[in-house]
Amino acid sequence: TEIESCWQNEPGQDPNTAFWAVVHNPGDTTNVHSHETAANYYGGSHVSAAFWVLVPPNSGDFVFQYQANPYLHRQRTITAEAGKFVMFDSTLKHYVTKNMSDSKRIVLTMNFRIKPDQE
């Protein structure tokens, strides 16, 4: 099985969905989201990743949200650190807490698709 960069070339989709930079200015945050949709799941991203480039102290963390079972919802915080690389299932909901520093925070984000096996 191989993975490849995942470009979303559907009408109305941003062509830069395989990888992009996120710059959080002081006070910025990112709302809860995931990187798949029902319309693009099979052809869209399966694996997403984040690489932290610049992380001033108190500039926000990465938080995964998941359902542990039908009754319990949980969160797992990943402390942002320059040079850290995290890969995760594209269906996993996540968000970024508020940048409380006086500086920018920079993260590179990527989406990958699992190539189907050749028949």
PDB file of N, CA and C in Angstrom:
ATOM      1  N   THR A   1       0.840  -1.177   0.000  1.00  0.00           N
ATOM      2  CA  THR A   1       0.000   0.000   0.000  1.00  0.00           C
ATOM      3  C   THR A   1       0.881   1.234   0.000  1.00  0.00           C
ATOM      4  N   GLU A   2       0.527   2.212  -0.795  1.00  0.00           N
ATOM      5  CA  GLU A   2       1.272   3.456  -0.890  1.00  0.00           C
ATOM      6  C   GLU A   2       0.364   4.626  -0.522  1.00  0.00           C
ATOM      7  N   ILE A   3       0.984   5.727  -0.105  1.00  0.00           N
ATOM      8  CA  ILE A   3       0.222   6.962   0.072  1.00  0.00           C
ATOM      9  C   ILE A   3       0.787   8.007  -0.872  1.00  0.00           C
ATOM     10  N   GLU A   4      -0.043   8.964  -1.243  1.00  0.00           N
ATOM     11  CA  GLU A   4       0.358  10.044  -2.136  1.00  0.00           C
ATOM     12  C   GLU A   4      -0.269  11.338  -1.652  1.00  0.00           C
ATOM     13  N   SER A   5       0.303  12.469  -2.066  1.00  0.00           N
ATOM     14  CA  SER A   5      -0.302  13.757  -1.734  1.00  0.00           C
ATOM     15  C   SER A   5      -1.725  13.779  -2.247  1.00  0.00           C
ATOM     16  N   CYS A   6      -2.614  14.377  -1.488  1.00  0.00           N
ATOM     17  CA  CYS A   6      -4.035  14.364  -1.833  1.00  0.00           C
ATOM     18  C   CYS A   6      -4.483  15.741  -2.285  1.00  0.00           C
ATOM     19  N   TRP A   7      -4.619  15.911  -3.585  1.00  0.00           N
ATOM     20  CA  TRP A   7      -5.146  17.154  -4.147  1.00  0.00           C
ATOM     21  C   TRP A   7      -6.637  16.988  -4.333  1.00  0.00           C
ATOM     22  N   GLN A   8      -7.409  17.937  -3.862  1.00  0.00           N
ATOM     23  CA  GLN A   8      -8.863  17.914  -4.030  1.00  0.00           C
ATOM     24  C   GLN A   8      -9.196  18.720  -5.278  1.00  0.00           C
ATOM     25  N   ASN A   9      -9.390  18.051  -6.385  1.00  0.00           N
ATOM     26  CA  ASN A   9      -9.657  18.736  -7.645  1.00  0.00           C
ATOM     27  C   ASN A   9     -11.138  18.742  -7.997  1.00  0.00           C
ATOM     28  N   GLU A  10     -11.968  18.787  -6.990  1.00  0.00           N
ATOM     29  CA  GLU A  10     -13.399  18.845  -7.218  1.00  0.00           C
ATOM     30  C   GLU A  10     -13.812  20.288  -7.477  1.00  0.00           C
ATOM     31  N   PRO A  11     -14.902  20.503  -8.218  1.00  0.00           N
ATOM     32  CA  PRO A  11     -15.365  21.878  -8.447  1.00  0.00           C
ATOM     33  C   PRO A  11     -15.573  22.620  -7.125  1.00  0.00           C
ATOM     34  N   GLY A  12     -15.078  23.825  -7.054  1.00  0.00           N
ATOM     35  CA  GLY A  12     -15.244  24.638  -5.857  1.00  0.00           C
ATOM     36  C   GLY A  12     -14.212  24.365  -4.787  1.00  0.00           C
ATOM     37  N   GLN A  13     -13.332  23.384  -4.975  1.00  0.00           N
ATOM     38  CA  GLN A  13     -12.301  23.059  -3.990  1.00  0.00           C
ATOM     39  C   GLN A  13     -11.053  23.891  -4.257  1.00  0.00           C
ATOM     40  N   ASP A  14     -10.387  24.270  -3.208  1.00  0.00           N
ATOM     41  CA  ASP A  14      -9.114  24.968  -3.311  1.00  0.00           C
ATOM     42  C   ASP A  14      -8.065  23.988  -3.823  1.00  0.00           C
ATOM     43  N   PRO A  15      -7.338  24.317  -4.898  1.00  0.00           N
ATOM     44  CA  PRO A  15      -6.341  23.378  -5.427  1.00  0.00           C
ATOM     45  C   PRO A  15      -5.135  23.186  -4.511  1.00  0.00           C
ATOM     46  N   ASN A  16      -5.022  23.961  -3.449  1.00  0.00           N
ATOM     47  CA  ASN A  16      -3.885  23.847  -2.539  1.00  0.00           C
ATOM     48  C   ASN A  16      -4.222  23.031  -1.299  1.00  0.00           C
ATOM     49  N   THR A  17      -5.011  21.978  -1.459  1.00  0.00           N
ATOM     50  CA  THR A  17      -5.434  21.199  -0.297  1.00  0.00           C
ATOM     51  C   THR A  17      -4.502  20.043   0.033  1.00  0.00           C
ATOM     52  N   ALA A  18      -3.439  19.822  -0.726  1.00  0.00           N
ATOM     53  CA  ALA A  18      -2.495  18.749  -0.403  1.00  0.00           C
ATOM     54  C   ALA A  18      -1.565  19.190   0.718  1.00  0.00           C
ATOM     55  N   PHE A  19      -1.141  20.433   0.717  1.00  0.00           N
ATOM     56  CA  PHE A  19      -0.312  20.959   1.799  1.00  0.00           C
ATOM     57  C   PHE A  19      -0.411  22.472   1.800  1.00  0.00           C
ATOM     58  N   TRP A  20      -0.298  23.068   2.986  1.00  0.00           N
ATOM     59  CA  TRP A  20      -0.420  24.508   3.124  1.00  0.00           C
ATOM     60  C   TRP A  20       0.188  24.927   4.454  1.00  0.00           C
ATOM     61  N   ALA A  21       0.436  26.196   4.591  1.00  0.00           N
ATOM     62  CA  ALA A  21       0.945  26.759   5.845  1.00  0.00           C
ATOM     63  C   ALA A  21      -0.197  27.443   6.576  1.00  0.00           C
ATOM     64  N   VAL A  22      -0.193  27.297   7.891  1.00  0.00           N
ATOM     65  CA  VAL A  22      -1.152  27.994   8.741  1.00  0.00           C
ATOM     66  C   VAL A  22      -0.350  28.949   9.615  1.00  0.00           C
ATOM     67  N   VAL A  23      -0.668  30.228   9.511  1.00  0.00           N
ATOM     68  CA  VAL A  23      -0.004  31.237  10.338  1.00  0.00           C
ATOM     69  C   VAL A  23      -1.043  31.774  11.313  1.00  0.00           C
ATOM     70  N   HIS A  24      -0.826  31.502  12.588  1.00  0.00           N
ATOM     71  CA  HIS A  24      -1.714  32.021  13.625  1.00  0.00           C
ATOM     72  C   HIS A  24      -1.077  33.260  14.216  1.00  0.00           C
ATOM     73  N   ASN A  25      -1.700  34.393  13.994  1.00  0.00           N
ATOM     74  CA  ASN A  25      -1.266  35.635  14.630  1.00  0.00           C
ATOM     75  C   ASN A  25      -1.729  35.628  16.083  1.00  0.00           C
ATOM     76  N   PRO A  26      -1.214  36.520  16.904  1.00  0.00           N
ATOM     77  CA  PRO A  26      -1.709  36.603  18.284  1.00  0.00           C
ATOM     78  C   PRO A  26      -3.241  36.698  18.301  1.00  0.00           C
ATOM     79  N   GLY A  27      -3.860  35.875  19.134  1.00  0.00           N
ATOM     80  CA  GLY A  27      -5.314  35.863  19.248  1.00  0.00           C
ATOM     81  C   GLY A  27      -6.016  34.901  18.307  1.00  0.00           C
ATOM     82  N   ASP A  28      -5.309  34.363  17.302  1.00  0.00           N
ATOM     83  CA  ASP A  28      -5.928  33.454  16.340  1.00  0.00           C
ATOM     84  C   ASP A  28      -6.114  32.059  16.923  1.00  0.00           C
ATOM     85  N   THR A  29      -7.078  31.336  16.369  1.00  0.00           N
ATOM     86  CA  THR A  29      -7.354  29.951  16.711  1.00  0.00           C
ATOM     87  C   THR A  29      -7.904  29.264  15.473  1.00  0.00           C
ATOM     88  N   THR A  30      -8.101  27.968  15.534  1.00  0.00           N
ATOM     89  CA  THR A  30      -8.750  27.217  14.459  1.00  0.00           C
ATOM     90  C   THR A  30      -9.893  26.424  15.079  1.00  0.00           C
ATOM     91  N   ASN A  31     -11.083  26.534  14.494  1.00  0.00           N
ATOM     92  CA  ASN A  31     -12.264  25.836  15.001  1.00  0.00           C
ATOM     93  C   ASN A  31     -12.182  24.333  14.740  1.00  0.00           C
ATOM     94  N   VAL A  32     -13.046  23.583  15.401  1.00  0.00           N
ATOM     95  CA  VAL A  32     -13.113  22.135  15.240  1.00  0.00           C
ATOM     96  C   VAL A  32     -13.437  21.788  13.785  1.00  0.00           C
ATOM     97  N   HIS A  33     -12.657  20.854  13.232  1.00  0.00           N
ATOM     98  CA  HIS A  33     -12.872  20.407  11.861  1.00  0.00           C
ATOM     99  C   HIS A  33     -12.177  19.065  11.644  1.00  0.00           C
ATOM    100  N   SER A  34     -12.445  18.450  10.514  1.00  0.00           N
ATOM    101  CA  SER A  34     -11.718  17.271  10.056  1.00  0.00           C
ATOM    102  C   SER A  34     -11.424  17.507   8.573  1.00  0.00           C
ATOM    103  N   HIS A  35     -10.700  16.610   7.939  1.00  0.00           N
ATOM    104  CA  HIS A  35     -10.247  16.863   6.572  1.00  0.00           C
ATOM    105  C   HIS A  35     -10.932  16.005   5.522  1.00  0.00           C
ATOM    106  N   GLU A  36     -12.005  15.318   5.885  1.00  0.00           N
ATOM    107  CA  GLU A  36     -12.741  14.512   4.920  1.00  0.00           C
ATOM    108  C   GLU A  36     -14.166  15.031   4.815  1.00  0.00           C
ATOM    109  N   THR A  37     -14.839  14.604   3.772  1.00  0.00           N
ATOM    110  CA  THR A  37     -16.281  14.833   3.655  1.00  0.00           C
ATOM    111  C   THR A  37     -16.893  13.547   3.112  1.00  0.00           C
ATOM    112  N   ALA A  38     -18.189  13.391   3.245  1.00  0.00           N
ATOM    113  CA  ALA A  38     -18.854  12.212   2.697  1.00  0.00           C
ATOM    114  C   ALA A  38     -18.654  12.153   1.183  1.00  0.00           C
ATOM    115  N   ALA A  39     -18.623  13.314   0.538  1.00  0.00           N
ATOM    116  CA  ALA A  39     -18.488  13.363  -0.917  1.00  0.00           C
ATOM    117  C   ALA A  39     -17.088  12.988  -1.386  1.00  0.00           C
ATOM    118  N   ASN A  40     -16.058  13.236  -0.564  1.00  0.00           N
ATOM    119  CA  ASN A  40     -14.707  12.985  -1.060  1.00  0.00           C
ATOM    120  C   ASN A  40     -13.965  11.897  -0.294  1.00  0.00           C
ATOM    121  N   TYR A  41     -14.610  11.141   0.584  1.00  0.00           N
ATOM    122  CA  TYR A  41     -13.865  10.229   1.446  1.00  0.00           C
ATOM    123  C   TYR A  41     -13.048   9.211   0.653  1.00  0.00           C
ATOM    124  N   TYR A  42     -13.633   8.555  -0.328  1.00  0.00           N
ATOM    125  CA  TYR A  42     -12.877   7.525  -1.052  1.00  0.00           C
ATOM    126  C   TYR A  42     -11.794   8.125  -1.925  1.00  0.00           C
ATOM    127  N   GLY A  43     -12.047   9.273  -2.522  1.00  0.00           N
ATOM    128  CA  GLY A  43     -11.032   9.900  -3.367  1.00  0.00           C
ATOM    129  C   GLY A  43     -10.265  10.993  -2.672  1.00  0.00           C
ATOM    130  N   GLY A  44     -10.691  11.356  -1.481  1.00  0.00           N
ATOM    131  CA  GLY A  44     -10.062  12.451  -0.751  1.00  0.00           C
ATOM    132  C   GLY A  44      -9.003  11.980   0.213  1.00  0.00           C
ATOM    133  N   SER A  45      -8.711  12.824   1.197  1.00  0.00           N
ATOM    134  CA  SER A  45      -7.621  12.506   2.124  1.00  0.00           C
ATOM    135  C   SER A  45      -8.028  11.426   3.118  1.00  0.00           C
ATOM    136  N   HIS A  46      -7.055  10.574   3.455  1.00  0.00           N
ATOM    137  CA  HIS A  46      -7.233   9.526   4.448  1.00  0.00           C
ATOM    138  C   HIS A  46      -6.332   9.762   5.646  1.00  0.00           C
ATOM    139  N   VAL A  47      -5.168  10.356   5.388  1.00  0.00           N
ATOM    140  CA  VAL A  47      -4.184  10.631   6.426  1.00  0.00           C
ATOM    141  C   VAL A  47      -3.821  12.106   6.336  1.00  0.00           C
ATOM    142  N   SER A  48      -3.842  12.791   7.467  1.00  0.00           N
ATOM    143  CA  SER A  48      -3.443  14.196   7.528  1.00  0.00           C
ATOM    144  C   SER A  48      -2.242  14.318   8.453  1.00  0.00           C
ATOM    145  N   ALA A  49      -1.536  15.435   8.357  1.00  0.00           N
ATOM    146  CA  ALA A  49      -0.339  15.616   9.175  1.00  0.00           C
ATOM    147  C   ALA A  49      -0.126  17.100   9.458  1.00  0.00           C
ATOM    148  N   ALA A  50       0.616  17.350  10.542  1.00  0.00           N
ATOM    149  CA  ALA A  50       1.005  18.715  10.908  1.00  0.00           C
ATOM    150  C   ALA A  50       2.480  18.706  11.301  1.00  0.00           C
ATOM    151  N   PHE A  51       3.198  19.731  10.852  1.00  0.00           N
ATOM    152  CA  PHE A  51       4.602  19.913  11.219  1.00  0.00           C
ATOM    153  C   PHE A  51       4.744  21.338  11.740  1.00  0.00           C
ATOM    154  N   TRP A  52       5.147  21.477  13.008  1.00  0.00           N
ATOM    155  CA  TRP A  52       5.263  22.785  13.634  1.00  0.00           C
ATOM    156  C   TRP A  52       6.614  23.408  13.304  1.00  0.00           C
ATOM    157  N   VAL A  53       6.576  24.589  12.701  1.00  0.00           N
ATOM    158  CA  VAL A  53       7.785  25.294  12.264  1.00  0.00           C
ATOM    159  C   VAL A  53       8.219  26.309  13.312  1.00  0.00           C
ATOM    160  N   LEU A  54       7.304  27.177  13.719  1.00  0.00           N
ATOM    161  CA  LEU A  54       7.599  28.236  14.690  1.00  0.00           C
ATOM    162  C   LEU A  54       6.529  28.195  15.766  1.00  0.00           C
ATOM    163  N   VAL A  55       6.953  27.970  17.011  1.00  0.00           N
ATOM    164  CA  VAL A  55       5.995  27.816  18.109  1.00  0.00           C
ATOM    165  C   VAL A  55       6.474  28.624  19.318  1.00  0.00           C
ATOM    166  N   PRO A  56       6.102  29.909  19.393  1.00  0.00           N
ATOM    167  CA  PRO A  56       6.453  30.682  20.581  1.00  0.00           C
ATOM    168  C   PRO A  56       5.741  30.125  21.815  1.00  0.00           C
ATOM    169  N   PRO A  57       6.278  30.328  22.994  1.00  0.00           N
ATOM    170  CA  PRO A  57       5.586  29.876  24.212  1.00  0.00           C
ATOM    171  C   PRO A  57       4.171  30.446  24.284  1.00  0.00           C
ATOM    172  N   ASN A  58       3.229  29.605  24.717  1.00  0.00           N
ATOM    173  CA  ASN A  58       1.839  30.009  24.926  1.00  0.00           C
ATOM    174  C   ASN A  58       1.129  30.410  23.627  1.00  0.00           C
ATOM    175  N   SER A  59       1.527  29.765  22.509  1.00  0.00           N
ATOM    176  CA  SER A  59       0.915  30.126  21.223  1.00  0.00           C
ATOM    177  C   SER A  59      -0.157  29.136  20.773  1.00  0.00           C
ATOM    178  N   GLY A  60      -0.581  28.252  21.661  1.00  0.00           N
ATOM    179  CA  GLY A  60      -1.685  27.347  21.347  1.00  0.00           C
ATOM    180  C   GLY A  60      -1.233  25.919  21.155  1.00  0.00           C
ATOM    181  N   ASP A  61      -2.141  24.992  21.391  1.00  0.00           N
ATOM    182  CA  ASP A  61      -1.885  23.563  21.240  1.00  0.00           C
ATOM    183  C   ASP A  61      -2.882  22.954  20.277  1.00  0.00           C
ATOM    184  N   PHE A  62      -2.613  21.723  19.878  1.00  0.00           N
ATOM    185  CA  PHE A  62      -3.407  20.956  18.934  1.00  0.00           C
ATOM    186  C   PHE A  62      -4.255  19.983  19.748  1.00  0.00           C
ATOM    187  N   VAL A  63      -5.566  19.976  19.548  1.00  0.00           N
ATOM    188  CA  VAL A  63      -6.450  19.140  20.364  1.00  0.00           C
ATOM    189  C   VAL A  63      -7.282  18.238  19.462  1.00  0.00           C
ATOM    190  N   PHE A  64      -7.188  16.917  19.707  1.00  0.00           N
ATOM    191  CA  PHE A  64      -8.026  15.942  19.026  1.00  0.00           C
ATOM    192  C   PHE A  64      -9.287  15.726  19.843  1.00  0.00           C
ATOM    193  N   GLN A  65     -10.423  15.569  19.158  1.00  0.00           N
ATOM    194  CA  GLN A  65     -11.682  15.202  19.805  1.00  0.00           C
ATOM    195  C   GLN A  65     -12.109  13.852  19.230  1.00  0.00           C
ATOM    196  N   TYR A  66     -12.540  12.941  20.097  1.00  0.00           N
ATOM    197  CA  TYR A  66     -12.978  11.638  19.614  1.00  0.00           C
ATOM    198  C   TYR A  66     -14.043  11.080  20.551  1.00  0.00           C
ATOM    199  N   GLN A  67     -14.779  10.120  20.038  1.00  0.00           N
ATOM    200  CA  GLN A  67     -15.835   9.479  20.819  1.00  0.00           C
ATOM    201  C   GLN A  67     -15.291   8.138  21.297  1.00  0.00           C
ATOM    202  N   ALA A  68     -15.020   8.032  22.597  1.00  0.00           N
ATOM    203  CA  ALA A  68     -14.451   6.812  23.173  1.00  0.00           C
ATOM    204  C   ALA A  68     -15.429   5.646  23.085  1.00  0.00           C
ATOM    205  N   ASN A  69     -16.701   5.933  23.224  1.00  0.00           N
ATOM    206  CA  ASN A  69     -17.780   4.951  23.071  1.00  0.00           C
ATOM    207  C   ASN A  69     -19.051   5.760  22.823  1.00  0.00           C
ATOM    208  N   PRO A  70     -20.205   5.135  22.666  1.00  0.00           N
ATOM    209  CA  PRO A  70     -21.415   5.919  22.364  1.00  0.00           C
ATOM    210  C   PRO A  70     -21.791   6.953  23.424  1.00  0.00           C
ATOM    211  N   TYR A  71     -21.204   6.866  24.623  1.00  0.00           N
ATOM    212  CA  TYR A  71     -21.610   7.749  25.718  1.00  0.00           C
ATOM    213  C   TYR A  71     -20.539   8.755  26.139  1.00  0.00           C
ATOM    214  N   LEU A  72     -19.290   8.487  25.795  1.00  0.00           N
ATOM    215  CA  LEU A  72     -18.184   9.334  26.259  1.00  0.00           C
ATOM    216  C   LEU A  72     -17.455  10.007  25.101  1.00  0.00           C
ATOM    217  N   HIS A  73     -17.330  11.314  25.212  1.00  0.00           N
ATOM    218  CA  HIS A  73     -16.538  12.087  24.259  1.00  0.00           C
ATOM    219  C   HIS A  73     -15.273  12.514  24.983  1.00  0.00           C
ATOM    220  N   ARG A  74     -14.153  12.409  24.303  1.00  0.00           N
ATOM    221  CA  ARG A  74     -12.857  12.702  24.915  1.00  0.00           C
ATOM    222  C   ARG A  74     -12.079  13.691  24.076  1.00  0.00           C
ATOM    223  N   GLN A  75     -11.045  14.234  24.684  1.00  0.00           N
ATOM    224  CA  GLN A  75     -10.100  15.121  24.014  1.00  0.00           C
ATOM    225  C   GLN A  75      -8.692  14.677  24.366  1.00  0.00           C
ATOM    226  N   ARG A  76      -7.774  14.889  23.461  1.00  0.00           N
ATOM    227  CA  ARG A  76      -6.355  14.614  23.714  1.00  0.00           C
ATOM    228  C   ARG A  76      -5.574  15.812  23.187  1.00  0.00           C
ATOM    229  N   THR A  77      -4.831  16.464  24.064  1.00  0.00           N
ATOM    230  CA  THR A  77      -4.056  17.640  23.674  1.00  0.00           C
ATOM    231  C   THR A  77      -2.644  17.234  23.296  1.00  0.00           C
ATOM    232  N   ILE A  78      -2.201  17.712  22.167  1.00  0.00           N
ATOM    233  CA  ILE A  78      -0.827  17.525  21.712  1.00  0.00           C
ATOM    234  C   ILE A  78      -0.138  18.870  21.899  1.00  0.00           C
ATOM    235  N   THR A  79       0.891  18.898  22.733  1.00  0.00           N
ATOM    236  CA  THR A  79       1.622  20.141  22.967  1.00  0.00           C
ATOM    237  C   THR A  79       2.405  20.502  21.713  1.00  0.00           C
ATOM    238  N   ALA A  80       2.186  21.697  21.212  1.00  0.00           N
ATOM    239  CA  ALA A  80       2.885  22.162  20.016  1.00  0.00           C
ATOM    240  C   ALA A  80       4.342  22.462  20.361  1.00  0.00           C
ATOM    241  N   GLU A  81       5.241  21.937  19.546  1.00  0.00           N
ATOM    242  CA  GLU A  81       6.674  22.180  19.710  1.00  0.00           C
ATOM    243  C   GLU A  81       7.299  22.289  18.331  1.00  0.00           C
ATOM    244  N   ALA A  82       8.197  23.251  18.138  1.00  0.00           N
ATOM    245  CA  ALA A  82       8.887  23.390  16.858  1.00  0.00           C
ATOM    246  C   ALA A  82       9.595  22.086  16.525  1.00  0.00           C
ATOM    247  N   GLY A  83       9.425  21.622  15.281  1.00  0.00           N
ATOM    248  CA  GLY A  83      10.051  20.394  14.824  1.00  0.00           C
ATOM    249  C   GLY A  83       9.227  19.141  15.043  1.00  0.00           C
ATOM    250  N   LYS A  84       8.105  19.229  15.761  1.00  0.00           N
ATOM    251  CA  LYS A  84       7.255  18.054  15.996  1.00  0.00           C
ATOM    252  C   LYS A  84       6.422  17.784  14.747  1.00  0.00           C
ATOM    253  N   PHE A  85       6.261  16.491  14.436  1.00  0.00           N
ATOM    254  CA  PHE A  85       5.485  16.050  13.278  1.00  0.00           C
ATOM    255  C   PHE A  85       4.461  15.034  13.755  1.00  0.00           C
ATOM    256  N   VAL A  86       3.187  15.236  13.419  1.00  0.00           N
ATOM    257  CA  VAL A  86       2.115  14.338  13.837  1.00  0.00           C
ATOM    258  C   VAL A  86       1.294  13.946  12.618  1.00  0.00           C
ATOM    259  N   MET A  87       1.049  12.631  12.464  1.00  0.00           N
ATOM    260  CA  MET A  87       0.156  12.127  11.415  1.00  0.00           C
ATOM    261  C   MET A  87      -1.082  11.549  12.093  1.00  0.00           C
ATOM    262  N   PHE A  88      -2.256  11.700  11.442  1.00  0.00           N
ATOM    263  CA  PHE A  88      -3.500  11.225  12.035  1.00  0.00           C
ATOM    264  C   PHE A  88      -4.527  10.942  10.957  1.00  0.00           C
ATOM    265  N   ASP A  89      -5.520  10.138  11.292  1.00  0.00           N
ATOM    266  CA  ASP A  89      -6.614   9.819  10.389  1.00  0.00           C
ATOM    267  C   ASP A  89      -7.352  11.111  10.037  1.00  0.00           C
ATOM    268  N   SER A  90      -7.617  11.321   8.758  1.00  0.00           N
ATOM    269  CA  SER A  90      -8.255  12.565   8.311  1.00  0.00           C
ATOM    270  C   SER A  90      -9.660  12.771   8.852  1.00  0.00           C
ATOM    271  N   THR A  91     -10.296  11.703   9.347  1.00  0.00           N
ATOM    272  CA  THR A  91     -11.652  11.834   9.894  1.00  0.00           C
ATOM    273  C   THR A  91     -11.650  12.299  11.347  1.00  0.00           C
ATOM    274  N   LEU A  92     -10.476  12.354  11.970  1.00  0.00           N
ATOM    275  CA  LEU A  92     -10.388  12.729  13.378  1.00  0.00           C
ATOM    276  C   LEU A  92     -10.583  14.239  13.540  1.00  0.00           C
ATOM    277  N   LYS A  93     -11.592  14.619  14.312  1.00  0.00           N
ATOM    278  CA  LYS A  93     -11.862  16.047  14.547  1.00  0.00           C
ATOM    279  C   LYS A  93     -10.745  16.631  15.410  1.00  0.00           C
ATOM    280  N   HIS A  94     -10.397  17.888  15.111  1.00  0.00           N
ATOM    281  CA  HIS A  94      -9.320  18.555  15.841  1.00  0.00           C
ATOM    282  C   HIS A  94      -9.485  20.061  15.749  1.00  0.00           C
ATOM    283  N   TYR A  95      -8.798  20.760  16.641  1.00  0.00           N
ATOM    284  CA  TYR A  95      -8.793  22.218  16.617  1.00  0.00           C
ATOM    285  C   TYR A  95      -7.501  22.717  17.255  1.00  0.00           C
ATOM    286  N   VAL A  96      -7.272  24.015  17.152  1.00  0.00           N
ATOM    287  CA  VAL A  96      -6.084  24.638  17.736  1.00  0.00           C
ATOM    288  C   VAL A  96      -6.544  25.686  18.744  1.00  0.00           C
ATOM    289  N   THR A  97      -5.953  25.642  19.936  1.00  0.00           N
ATOM    290  CA  THR A  97      -6.320  26.622  20.963  1.00  0.00           C
ATOM    291  C   THR A  97      -5.734  27.995  20.623  1.00  0.00           C
ATOM    292  N   LYS A  98      -6.224  29.000  21.281  1.00  0.00           N
ATOM    293  CA  LYS A  98      -5.895  30.393  20.987  1.00  0.00           C
ATOM    294  C   LYS A  98      -4.408  30.697  21.187  1.00  0.00           C
ATOM    295  N   ASN A  99      -3.865  31.447  20.241  1.00  0.00           N
ATOM    296  CA  ASN A  99      -2.479  31.926  20.342  1.00  0.00           C
ATOM    297  C   ASN A  99      -2.460  33.082  21.336  1.00  0.00           C
ATOM    298  N   MET A 100      -1.968  32.814  22.533  1.00  0.00           N
ATOM    299  CA  MET A 100      -1.917  33.827  23.588  1.00  0.00           C
ATOM    300  C   MET A 100      -0.551  34.526  23.648  1.00  0.00           C
ATOM    301  N   SER A 101       0.314  34.247  22.680  1.00  0.00           N
ATOM    302  CA  SER A 101       1.632  34.886  22.670  1.00  0.00           C
ATOM    303  C   SER A 101       1.560  36.218  21.920  1.00  0.00           C
ATOM    304  N   ASP A 102       2.681  36.894  21.841  1.00  0.00           N
ATOM    305  CA  ASP A 102       2.772  38.148  21.088  1.00  0.00           C
ATOM    306  C   ASP A 102       3.388  37.929  19.711  1.00  0.00           C
ATOM    307  N   SER A 103       3.570  36.669  19.321  1.00  0.00           N
ATOM    308  CA  SER A 103       4.250  36.341  18.064  1.00  0.00           C
ATOM    309  C   SER A 103       3.396  35.414  17.211  1.00  0.00           C
ATOM    310  N   LYS A 104       3.811  35.246  15.947  1.00  0.00           N
ATOM    311  CA  LYS A 104       3.137  34.323  15.043  1.00  0.00           C
ATOM    312  C   LYS A 104       3.538  32.890  15.348  1.00  0.00           C
ATOM    313  N   ARG A 105       2.624  31.999  15.079  1.00  0.00           N
ATOM    314  CA  ARG A 105       2.869  30.559  15.163  1.00  0.00           C
ATOM    315  C   ARG A 105       2.675  29.999  13.762  1.00  0.00           C
ATOM    316  N   ILE A 106       3.600  29.165  13.284  1.00  0.00           N
ATOM    317  CA  ILE A 106       3.544  28.659  11.909  1.00  0.00           C
ATOM    318  C   ILE A 106       3.561  27.129  11.914  1.00  0.00           C
ATOM    319  N   VAL A 107       2.602  26.554  11.189  1.00  0.00           N
ATOM    320  CA  VAL A 107       2.461  25.104  11.071  1.00  0.00           C
ATOM    321  C   VAL A 107       2.287  24.752   9.593  1.00  0.00           C
ATOM    322  N   LEU A 108       2.945  23.689   9.144  1.00  0.00           N
ATOM    323  CA  LEU A 108       2.703  23.150   7.806  1.00  0.00           C
ATOM    324  C   LEU A 108       1.740  21.987   7.956  1.00  0.00           C
ATOM    325  N   THR A 109       0.692  21.962   7.133  1.00  0.00           N
ATOM    326  CA  THR A 109      -0.338  20.936   7.212  1.00  0.00           C
ATOM    327  C   THR A 109      -0.399  20.203   5.874  1.00  0.00           C
ATOM    328  N   MET A 110      -0.627  18.886   5.934  1.00  0.00           N
ATOM    329  CA  MET A 110      -0.621  18.056   4.726  1.00  0.00           C
ATOM    330  C   MET A 110      -1.763  17.058   4.741  1.00  0.00           C
ATOM    331  N   ASN A 111      -2.210  16.676   3.556  1.00  0.00           N
ATOM    332  CA  ASN A 111      -3.196  15.611   3.390  1.00  0.00           C
ATOM    333  C   ASN A 111      -2.649  14.572   2.426  1.00  0.00           C
ATOM    334  N   PHE A 112      -2.901  13.301   2.752  1.00  0.00           N
ATOM    335  CA  PHE A 112      -2.458  12.187   1.918  1.00  0.00           C
ATOM    336  C   PHE A 112      -3.631  11.256   1.660  1.00  0.00           C
ATOM    337  N   ARG A 113      -3.553  10.568   0.528  1.00  0.00           N
ATOM    338  CA  ARG A 113      -4.561   9.585   0.147  1.00  0.00           C
ATOM    339  C   ARG A 113      -3.870   8.224   0.091  1.00  0.00           C
ATOM    340  N   ILE A 114      -4.543   7.179   0.566  1.00  0.00           N
ATOM    341  CA  ILE A 114      -4.017   5.823   0.431  1.00  0.00           C
ATOM    342  C   ILE A 114      -4.391   5.329  -0.951  1.00  0.00           C
ATOM    343  N   LYS A 115      -3.394   5.020  -1.745  1.00  0.00           N
ATOM    344  CA  LYS A 115      -3.646   4.557  -3.115  1.00  0.00           C
ATOM    345  C   LYS A 115      -4.248   3.153  -3.067  1.00  0.00           C
ATOM    346  N   PRO A 116      -5.276   2.908  -3.862  1.00  0.00           N
ATOM    347  CA  PRO A 116      -5.851   1.557  -3.874  1.00  0.00           C
ATOM    348  C   PRO A 116      -4.860   0.573  -4.475  1.00  0.00           C
ATOM    349  N   ASP A 117      -4.879  -0.668  -3.983  1.00  0.00           N
ATOM    350  CA  ASP A 117      -4.037  -1.709  -4.543  1.00  0.00           C
ATOM    351  C   ASP A 117      -4.452  -1.968  -5.987  1.00  0.00           C
ATOM    352  N   GLN A 118      -3.488  -2.233  -6.819  1.00  0.00           N
ATOM    353  CA  GLN A 118      -3.780  -2.551  -8.229  1.00  0.00           C
ATOM    354  C   GLN A 118      -4.426  -3.928  -8.305  1.00  0.00           C
ATOM    355  N   GLU A 119      -5.455  -4.034  -9.088  1.00  0.00           N
ATOM    356  CA  GLU A 119      -6.156  -5.336  -9.204  1.00  0.00           C
ATOM    357  C   GLU A 119      -5.584  -6.148 -10.320  1.00  0.00           C
TER     358      GLU A 119
END
